[in-house]
Amino acid sequence: MTGRAGVRVEVADRDLLRWAIGESGLSLRSVAARVGCSHGQIGHLTSGRQRSCRAELAVAIASAIGCGFDEIFTTASKG
């Protein structure tokens, strides 16, 4: 998935996202620092408080934690 400005994606499996971050050995702060967002945003994505984010951020998160993009994220529904 190539990130394009304005394209949003949803977390398809927040439990897998939370697990993958734990398995990566990185803290939420470390992931956030690597991808250029706040640790709060990563926390909101793993808790379900925030369900979507920019595609560029999702790609960066998946890469930082060593997970496939399609395993964790899906195209955001419109509406």
PDB file of N, CA and C in Angstrom:
ATOM      1  N   MET A   1       0.856  -1.176   0.000  1.00  0.00           N
ATOM      2  CA  MET A   1       0.000   0.000   0.000  1.00  0.00           C
ATOM      3  C   MET A   1       0.890   1.222   0.000  1.00  0.00           C
ATOM      4  N   THR A   2       0.685   2.077  -0.936  1.00  0.00           N
ATOM      5  CA  THR A   2       1.425   3.325  -0.943  1.00  0.00           C
ATOM      6  C   THR A   2       0.583   4.385  -0.287  1.00  0.00           C
ATOM      7  N   GLY A   3       1.198   5.165   0.577  1.00  0.00           N
ATOM      8  CA  GLY A   3       0.455   6.193   1.282  1.00  0.00           C
ATOM      9  C   GLY A   3       0.242   7.409   0.393  1.00  0.00           C
ATOM     10  N   ARG A   4      -1.007   7.843   0.301  1.00  0.00           N
ATOM     11  CA  ARG A   4      -1.335   9.062  -0.431  1.00  0.00           C
ATOM     12  C   ARG A   4      -1.986  10.020   0.547  1.00  0.00           C
ATOM     13  N   ALA A   5      -1.707  11.283   0.373  1.00  0.00           N
ATOM     14  CA  ALA A   5      -2.264  12.290   1.277  1.00  0.00           C
ATOM     15  C   ALA A   5      -3.780  12.192   1.273  1.00  0.00           C
ATOM     16  N   GLY A   6      -4.363  12.215   2.452  1.00  0.00           N
ATOM     17  CA  GLY A   6      -5.811  12.195   2.586  1.00  0.00           C
ATOM     18  C   GLY A   6      -6.429  10.819   2.672  1.00  0.00           C
ATOM     19  N   VAL A   7      -5.702   9.779   2.303  1.00  0.00           N
ATOM     20  CA  VAL A   7      -6.246   8.429   2.371  1.00  0.00           C
ATOM     21  C   VAL A   7      -6.202   7.965   3.823  1.00  0.00           C
ATOM     22  N   ARG A   8      -7.361   7.511   4.308  1.00  0.00           N
ATOM     23  CA  ARG A   8      -7.441   7.027   5.690  1.00  0.00           C
ATOM     24  C   ARG A   8      -7.713   5.536   5.676  1.00  0.00           C
ATOM     25  N   VAL A   9      -7.187   4.880   6.672  1.00  0.00           N
ATOM     26  CA  VAL A   9      -7.415   3.451   6.845  1.00  0.00           C
ATOM     27  C   VAL A   9      -7.887   3.197   8.271  1.00  0.00           C
ATOM     28  N   GLU A  10      -8.526   2.064   8.482  1.00  0.00           N
ATOM     29  CA  GLU A  10      -9.000   1.689   9.808  1.00  0.00           C
ATOM     30  C   GLU A  10      -8.181   0.538  10.356  1.00  0.00           C
ATOM     31  N   VAL A  11      -8.110   0.481  11.672  1.00  0.00           N
ATOM     32  CA  VAL A  11      -7.495  -0.670  12.331  1.00  0.00           C
ATOM     33  C   VAL A  11      -8.491  -1.820  12.202  1.00  0.00           C
ATOM     34  N   ALA A  12      -8.092  -2.871  11.510  1.00  0.00           N
ATOM     35  CA  ALA A  12      -8.971  -4.014  11.305  1.00  0.00           C
ATOM     36  C   ALA A  12      -8.951  -4.945  12.514  1.00  0.00           C
ATOM     37  N   ASP A  13      -7.804  -5.010  13.186  1.00  0.00           N
ATOM     38  CA  ASP A  13      -7.650  -5.930  14.317  1.00  0.00           C
ATOM     39  C   ASP A  13      -6.796  -5.275  15.394  1.00  0.00           C
ATOM     40  N   ARG A  14      -7.439  -4.565  16.309  1.00  0.00           N
ATOM     41  CA  ARG A  14      -6.669  -3.840  17.329  1.00  0.00           C
ATOM     42  C   ARG A  14      -5.981  -4.778  18.305  1.00  0.00           C
ATOM     43  N   ASP A  15      -6.546  -5.979  18.535  1.00  0.00           N
ATOM     44  CA  ASP A  15      -5.872  -6.952  19.397  1.00  0.00           C
ATOM     45  C   ASP A  15      -4.562  -7.406  18.771  1.00  0.00           C
ATOM     46  N   LEU A  16      -4.582  -7.631  17.466  1.00  0.00           N
ATOM     47  CA  LEU A  16      -3.347  -8.009  16.771  1.00  0.00           C
ATOM     48  C   LEU A  16      -2.352  -6.849  16.792  1.00  0.00           C
ATOM     49  N   LEU A  17      -2.838  -5.625  16.611  1.00  0.00           N
ATOM     50  CA  LEU A  17      -1.952  -4.461  16.679  1.00  0.00           C
ATOM     51  C   LEU A  17      -1.286  -4.387  18.044  1.00  0.00           C
ATOM     52  N   ARG A  18      -2.061  -4.520  19.098  1.00  0.00           N
ATOM     53  CA  ARG A  18      -1.523  -4.468  20.464  1.00  0.00           C
ATOM     54  C   ARG A  18      -0.517  -5.606  20.682  1.00  0.00           C
ATOM     55  N   TRP A  19      -0.870  -6.808  20.226  1.00  0.00           N
ATOM     56  CA  TRP A  19       0.022  -7.972  20.366  1.00  0.00           C
ATOM     57  C   TRP A  19       1.323  -7.749  19.585  1.00  0.00           C
ATOM     58  N   ALA A  20       1.211  -7.276  18.352  1.00  0.00           N
ATOM     59  CA  ALA A  20       2.393  -7.085  17.509  1.00  0.00           C
ATOM     60  C   ALA A  20       3.337  -6.037  18.096  1.00  0.00           C
ATOM     61  N   ILE A  21       2.780  -4.995  18.678  1.00  0.00           N
ATOM     62  CA  ILE A  21       3.634  -3.991  19.323  1.00  0.00           C
ATOM     63  C   ILE A  21       4.378  -4.638  20.488  1.00  0.00           C
ATOM     64  N   GLY A  22       3.672  -5.427  21.282  1.00  0.00           N
ATOM     65  CA  GLY A  22       4.319  -6.121  22.398  1.00  0.00           C
ATOM     66  C   GLY A  22       5.400  -7.076  21.928  1.00  0.00           C
ATOM     67  N   GLU A  23       5.108  -7.821  20.876  1.00  0.00           N
ATOM     68  CA  GLU A  23       6.075  -8.780  20.336  1.00  0.00           C
ATOM     69  C   GLU A  23       7.290  -8.096  19.717  1.00  0.00           C
ATOM     70  N   SER A  24       7.103  -6.876  19.242  1.00  0.00           N
ATOM     71  CA  SER A  24       8.223  -6.153  18.631  1.00  0.00           C
ATOM     72  C   SER A  24       9.251  -5.727  19.673  1.00  0.00           C
ATOM     73  N   GLY A  25       8.826  -5.739  20.939  1.00  0.00           N
ATOM     74  CA  GLY A  25       9.716  -5.304  22.007  1.00  0.00           C
ATOM     75  C   GLY A  25       9.770  -3.793  22.165  1.00  0.00           C
ATOM     76  N   LEU A  26       8.937  -3.085  21.425  1.00  0.00           N
ATOM     77  CA  LEU A  26       8.911  -1.636  21.481  1.00  0.00           C
ATOM     78  C   LEU A  26       7.788  -1.154  22.392  1.00  0.00           C
ATOM     79  N   SER A  27       8.010  -0.037  23.039  1.00  0.00           N
ATOM     80  CA  SER A  27       6.949   0.603  23.815  1.00  0.00           C
ATOM     81  C   SER A  27       6.104   1.452  22.861  1.00  0.00           C
ATOM     82  N   LEU A  28       4.945   1.881  23.340  1.00  0.00           N
ATOM     83  CA  LEU A  28       4.117   2.788  22.537  1.00  0.00           C
ATOM     84  C   LEU A  28       4.902   4.051  22.189  1.00  0.00           C
ATOM     85  N   ARG A  29       5.664   4.556  23.155  1.00  0.00           N
ATOM     86  CA  ARG A  29       6.482   5.756  22.904  1.00  0.00           C
ATOM     87  C   ARG A  29       7.537   5.502  21.829  1.00  0.00           C
ATOM     88  N   SER A  30       8.142   4.322  21.845  1.00  0.00           N
ATOM     89  CA  SER A  30       9.165   4.000  20.846  1.00  0.00           C
ATOM     90  C   SER A  30       8.563   3.892  19.452  1.00  0.00           C
ATOM     91  N   VAL A  31       7.412   3.236  19.366  1.00  0.00           N
ATOM     92  CA  VAL A  31       6.734   3.134  18.066  1.00  0.00           C
ATOM     93  C   VAL A  31       6.389   4.534  17.575  1.00  0.00           C
ATOM     94  N   ALA A  32       5.810   5.347  18.459  1.00  0.00           N
ATOM     95  CA  ALA A  32       5.422   6.707  18.084  1.00  0.00           C
ATOM     96  C   ALA A  32       6.624   7.520  17.599  1.00  0.00           C
ATOM     97  N   ALA A  33       7.736   7.408  18.290  1.00  0.00           N
ATOM     98  CA  ALA A  33       8.938   8.139  17.895  1.00  0.00           C
ATOM     99  C   ALA A  33       9.424   7.690  16.522  1.00  0.00           C
ATOM    100  N   ARG A  34       9.332   6.413  16.254  1.00  0.00           N
ATOM    101  CA  ARG A  34       9.797   5.886  14.960  1.00  0.00           C
ATOM    102  C   ARG A  34       8.913   6.325  13.805  1.00  0.00           C
ATOM    103  N   VAL A  35       7.613   6.481  14.076  1.00  0.00           N
ATOM    104  CA  VAL A  35       6.677   6.791  12.985  1.00  0.00           C
ATOM    105  C   VAL A  35       6.282   8.261  12.922  1.00  0.00           C
ATOM    106  N   GLY A  36       6.691   9.045  13.921  1.00  0.00           N
ATOM    107  CA  GLY A  36       6.432  10.475  13.875  1.00  0.00           C
ATOM    108  C   GLY A  36       5.048  10.914  14.315  1.00  0.00           C
ATOM    109  N   CYS A  37       4.527  10.271  15.352  1.00  0.00           N
ATOM    110  CA  CYS A  37       3.255  10.706  15.922  1.00  0.00           C
ATOM    111  C   CYS A  37       3.367  10.655  17.442  1.00  0.00           C
ATOM    112  N   SER A  38       2.312  11.021  18.136  1.00  0.00           N
ATOM    113  CA  SER A  38       2.352  10.987  19.597  1.00  0.00           C
ATOM    114  C   SER A  38       2.096   9.568  20.102  1.00  0.00           C
ATOM    115  N   HIS A  39       2.611   9.271  21.291  1.00  0.00           N
ATOM    116  CA  HIS A  39       2.348   7.952  21.861  1.00  0.00           C
ATOM    117  C   HIS A  39       0.854   7.823  22.189  1.00  0.00           C
ATOM    118  N   GLY A  40       0.199   8.955  22.449  1.00  0.00           N
ATOM    119  CA  GLY A  40      -1.237   8.934  22.706  1.00  0.00           C
ATOM    120  C   GLY A  40      -2.016   8.424  21.502  1.00  0.00           C
ATOM    121  N   GLN A  41      -1.594   8.815  20.309  1.00  0.00           N
ATOM    122  CA  GLN A  41      -2.286   8.352  19.106  1.00  0.00           C
ATOM    123  C   GLN A  41      -2.119   6.847  18.939  1.00  0.00           C
ATOM    124  N   ILE A  42      -0.935   6.339  19.188  1.00  0.00           N
ATOM    125  CA  ILE A  42      -0.724   4.891  19.120  1.00  0.00           C
ATOM    126  C   ILE A  42      -1.604   4.200  20.165  1.00  0.00           C
ATOM    127  N   GLY A  43      -1.644   4.755  21.369  1.00  0.00           N
ATOM    128  CA  GLY A  43      -2.488   4.201  22.421  1.00  0.00           C
ATOM    129  C   GLY A  43      -3.953   4.202  22.048  1.00  0.00           C
ATOM    130  N   HIS A  44      -4.412   5.281  21.426  1.00  0.00           N
ATOM    131  CA  HIS A  44      -5.813   5.357  20.997  1.00  0.00           C
ATOM    132  C   HIS A  44      -6.114   4.327  19.915  1.00  0.00           C
ATOM    133  N   LEU A  45      -5.177   4.094  19.018  1.00  0.00           N
ATOM    134  CA  LEU A  45      -5.386   3.083  17.977  1.00  0.00           C
ATOM    135  C   LEU A  45      -5.452   1.675  18.571  1.00  0.00           C
ATOM    136  N   THR A  46      -4.621   1.404  19.575  1.00  0.00           N
ATOM    137  CA  THR A  46      -4.633   0.054  20.167  1.00  0.00           C
ATOM    138  C   THR A  46      -5.825  -0.163  21.077  1.00  0.00           C
ATOM    139  N   SER A  47      -6.376   0.910  21.641  1.00  0.00           N
ATOM    140  CA  SER A  47      -7.517   0.771  22.558  1.00  0.00           C
ATOM    141  C   SER A  47      -8.862   0.807  21.846  1.00  0.00           C
ATOM    142  N   GLY A  48      -8.872   1.292  20.619  1.00  0.00           N
ATOM    143  CA  GLY A  48     -10.125   1.432  19.893  1.00  0.00           C
ATOM    144  C   GLY A  48     -10.735   2.813  20.020  1.00  0.00           C
ATOM    145  N   ARG A  49     -10.150   3.656  20.816  1.00  0.00           N
ATOM    146  CA  ARG A  49     -10.662   5.019  20.967  1.00  0.00           C
ATOM    147  C   ARG A  49     -10.558   5.777  19.645  1.00  0.00           C
ATOM    148  N   GLN A  50      -9.515   5.501  18.887  1.00  0.00           N
ATOM    149  CA  GLN A  50      -9.356   6.043  17.530  1.00  0.00           C
ATOM    150  C   GLN A  50      -9.340   4.851  16.594  1.00  0.00           C
ATOM    151  N   ARG A  51     -10.209   4.854  15.605  1.00  0.00           N
ATOM    152  CA  ARG A  51     -10.317   3.690  14.725  1.00  0.00           C
ATOM    153  C   ARG A  51      -9.606   3.847  13.392  1.00  0.00           C
ATOM    154  N   SER A  52      -9.290   5.083  13.018  1.00  0.00           N
ATOM    155  CA  SER A  52      -8.645   5.275  11.719  1.00  0.00           C
ATOM    156  C   SER A  52      -7.474   6.247  11.831  1.00  0.00           C
ATOM    157  N   CYS A  53      -6.632   6.206  10.795  1.00  0.00           N
ATOM    158  CA  CYS A  53      -5.481   7.113  10.720  1.00  0.00           C
ATOM    159  C   CYS A  53      -5.094   7.267   9.260  1.00  0.00           C
ATOM    160  N   ARG A  54      -4.167   8.168   8.998  1.00  0.00           N
ATOM    161  CA  ARG A  54      -3.660   8.342   7.637  1.00  0.00           C
ATOM    162  C   ARG A  54      -2.966   7.059   7.178  1.00  0.00           C
ATOM    163  N   ALA A  55      -3.102   6.771   5.905  1.00  0.00           N
ATOM    164  CA  ALA A  55      -2.473   5.567   5.350  1.00  0.00           C
ATOM    165  C   ALA A  55      -0.965   5.582   5.562  1.00  0.00           C
ATOM    166  N   GLU A  56      -0.348   6.765   5.426  1.00  0.00           N
ATOM    167  CA  GLU A  56       1.104   6.865   5.602  1.00  0.00           C
ATOM    168  C   GLU A  56       1.512   6.434   7.004  1.00  0.00           C
ATOM    169  N   LEU A  57       0.721   6.845   7.988  1.00  0.00           N
ATOM    170  CA  LEU A  57       1.012   6.471   9.367  1.00  0.00           C
ATOM    171  C   LEU A  57       0.831   4.972   9.568  1.00  0.00           C
ATOM    172  N   ALA A  58      -0.218   4.419   9.015  1.00  0.00           N
ATOM    173  CA  ALA A  58      -0.472   2.984   9.152  1.00  0.00           C
ATOM    174  C   ALA A  58       0.662   2.155   8.550  1.00  0.00           C
ATOM    175  N   VAL A  59       1.128   2.568   7.380  1.00  0.00           N
ATOM    176  CA  VAL A  59       2.246   1.871   6.731  1.00  0.00           C
ATOM    177  C   VAL A  59       3.481   1.932   7.624  1.00  0.00           C
ATOM    178  N   ALA A  60       3.740   3.111   8.188  1.00  0.00           N
ATOM    179  CA  ALA A  60       4.910   3.286   9.057  1.00  0.00           C
ATOM    180  C   ALA A  60       4.796   2.444  10.324  1.00  0.00           C
ATOM    181  N   ILE A  61       3.605   2.396  10.913  1.00  0.00           N
ATOM    182  CA  ILE A  61       3.397   1.583  12.120  1.00  0.00           C
ATOM    183  C   ILE A  61       3.650   0.112  11.810  1.00  0.00           C
ATOM    184  N   ALA A  62       3.042  -0.391  10.742  1.00  0.00           N
ATOM    185  CA  ALA A  62       3.211  -1.804  10.377  1.00  0.00           C
ATOM    186  C   ALA A  62       4.693  -2.121  10.153  1.00  0.00           C
ATOM    187  N   SER A  63       5.391  -1.242   9.476  1.00  0.00           N
ATOM    188  CA  SER A  63       6.815  -1.455   9.221  1.00  0.00           C
ATOM    189  C   SER A  63       7.618  -1.441  10.522  1.00  0.00           C
ATOM    190  N   ALA A  64       7.322  -0.488  11.399  1.00  0.00           N
ATOM    191  CA  ALA A  64       8.071  -0.360  12.655  1.00  0.00           C
ATOM    192  C   ALA A  64       7.928  -1.586  13.549  1.00  0.00           C
ATOM    193  N   ILE A  65       6.767  -2.227  13.511  1.00  0.00           N
ATOM    194  CA  ILE A  65       6.536  -3.383  14.389  1.00  0.00           C
ATOM    195  C   ILE A  65       6.720  -4.711  13.673  1.00  0.00           C
ATOM    196  N   GLY A  66       7.136  -4.646  12.400  1.00  0.00           N
ATOM    197  CA  GLY A  66       7.428  -5.868  11.661  1.00  0.00           C
ATOM    198  C   GLY A  66       6.212  -6.691  11.300  1.00  0.00           C
ATOM    199  N   CYS A  67       5.126  -6.009  10.977  1.00  0.00           N
ATOM    200  CA  CYS A  67       3.875  -6.690  10.652  1.00  0.00           C
ATOM    201  C   CYS A  67       3.430  -6.265   9.259  1.00  0.00           C
ATOM    202  N   GLY A  68       2.699  -7.111   8.581  1.00  0.00           N
ATOM    203  CA  GLY A  68       2.155  -6.743   7.283  1.00  0.00           C
ATOM    204  C   GLY A  68       1.023  -5.740   7.431  1.00  0.00           C
ATOM    205  N   PHE A  69       1.004  -4.740   6.565  1.00  0.00           N
ATOM    206  CA  PHE A  69      -0.040  -3.717   6.604  1.00  0.00           C
ATOM    207  C   PHE A  69      -1.429  -4.355   6.587  1.00  0.00           C
ATOM    208  N   ASP A  70      -1.651  -5.283   5.659  1.00  0.00           N
ATOM    209  CA  ASP A  70      -2.974  -5.897   5.479  1.00  0.00           C
ATOM    210  C   ASP A  70      -3.401  -6.784   6.643  1.00  0.00           C
ATOM    211  N   GLU A  71      -2.475  -7.137   7.504  1.00  0.00           N
ATOM    212  CA  GLU A  71      -2.828  -7.929   8.680  1.00  0.00           C
ATOM    213  C   GLU A  71      -3.546  -7.088   9.723  1.00  0.00           C
ATOM    214  N   ILE A  72      -3.237  -5.809   9.754  1.00  0.00           N
ATOM    215  CA  ILE A  72      -3.740  -4.949  10.838  1.00  0.00           C
ATOM    216  C   ILE A  72      -4.692  -3.866  10.364  1.00  0.00           C
ATOM    217  N   PHE A  73      -4.501  -3.364   9.145  1.00  0.00           N
ATOM    218  CA  PHE A  73      -5.282  -2.224   8.667  1.00  0.00           C
ATOM    219  C   PHE A  73      -6.119  -2.581   7.449  1.00  0.00           C
ATOM    220  N   THR A  74      -7.194  -1.814   7.248  1.00  0.00           N
ATOM    221  CA  THR A  74      -8.067  -1.962   6.097  1.00  0.00           C
ATOM    222  C   THR A  74      -8.507  -0.573   5.651  1.00  0.00           C
ATOM    223  N   THR A  75      -8.940  -0.462   4.416  1.00  0.00           N
ATOM    224  CA  THR A  75      -9.403   0.826   3.907  1.00  0.00           C
ATOM    225  C   THR A  75     -10.585   1.303   4.743  1.00  0.00           C
ATOM    226  N   ALA A  76     -10.544   2.566   5.166  1.00  0.00           N
ATOM    227  CA  ALA A  76     -11.600   3.129   6.010  1.00  0.00           C
ATOM    228  C   ALA A  76     -12.907   3.184   5.239  1.00  0.00           C
ATOM    229  N   SER A  77     -13.990   2.829   5.919  1.00  0.00           N
ATOM    230  CA  SER A  77     -15.302   2.902   5.285  1.00  0.00           C
ATOM    231  C   SER A  77     -15.742   4.345   5.190  1.00  0.00           C
ATOM    232  N   LYS A  78     -16.468   4.644   4.156  1.00  0.00           N
ATOM    233  CA  LYS A  78     -16.952   6.009   3.954  1.00  0.00           C
ATOM    234  C   LYS A  78     -18.319   6.144   4.572  1.00  0.00           C
ATOM    235  N   GLY A  79     -18.577   7.347   5.030  1.00  0.00           N
ATOM    236  CA  GLY A  79     -19.913   7.556   5.541  1.00  0.00           C
ATOM    237  C   GLY A  79     -19.856   8.193   6.842  1.00  0.00           C
TER     238      GLY A  79
END
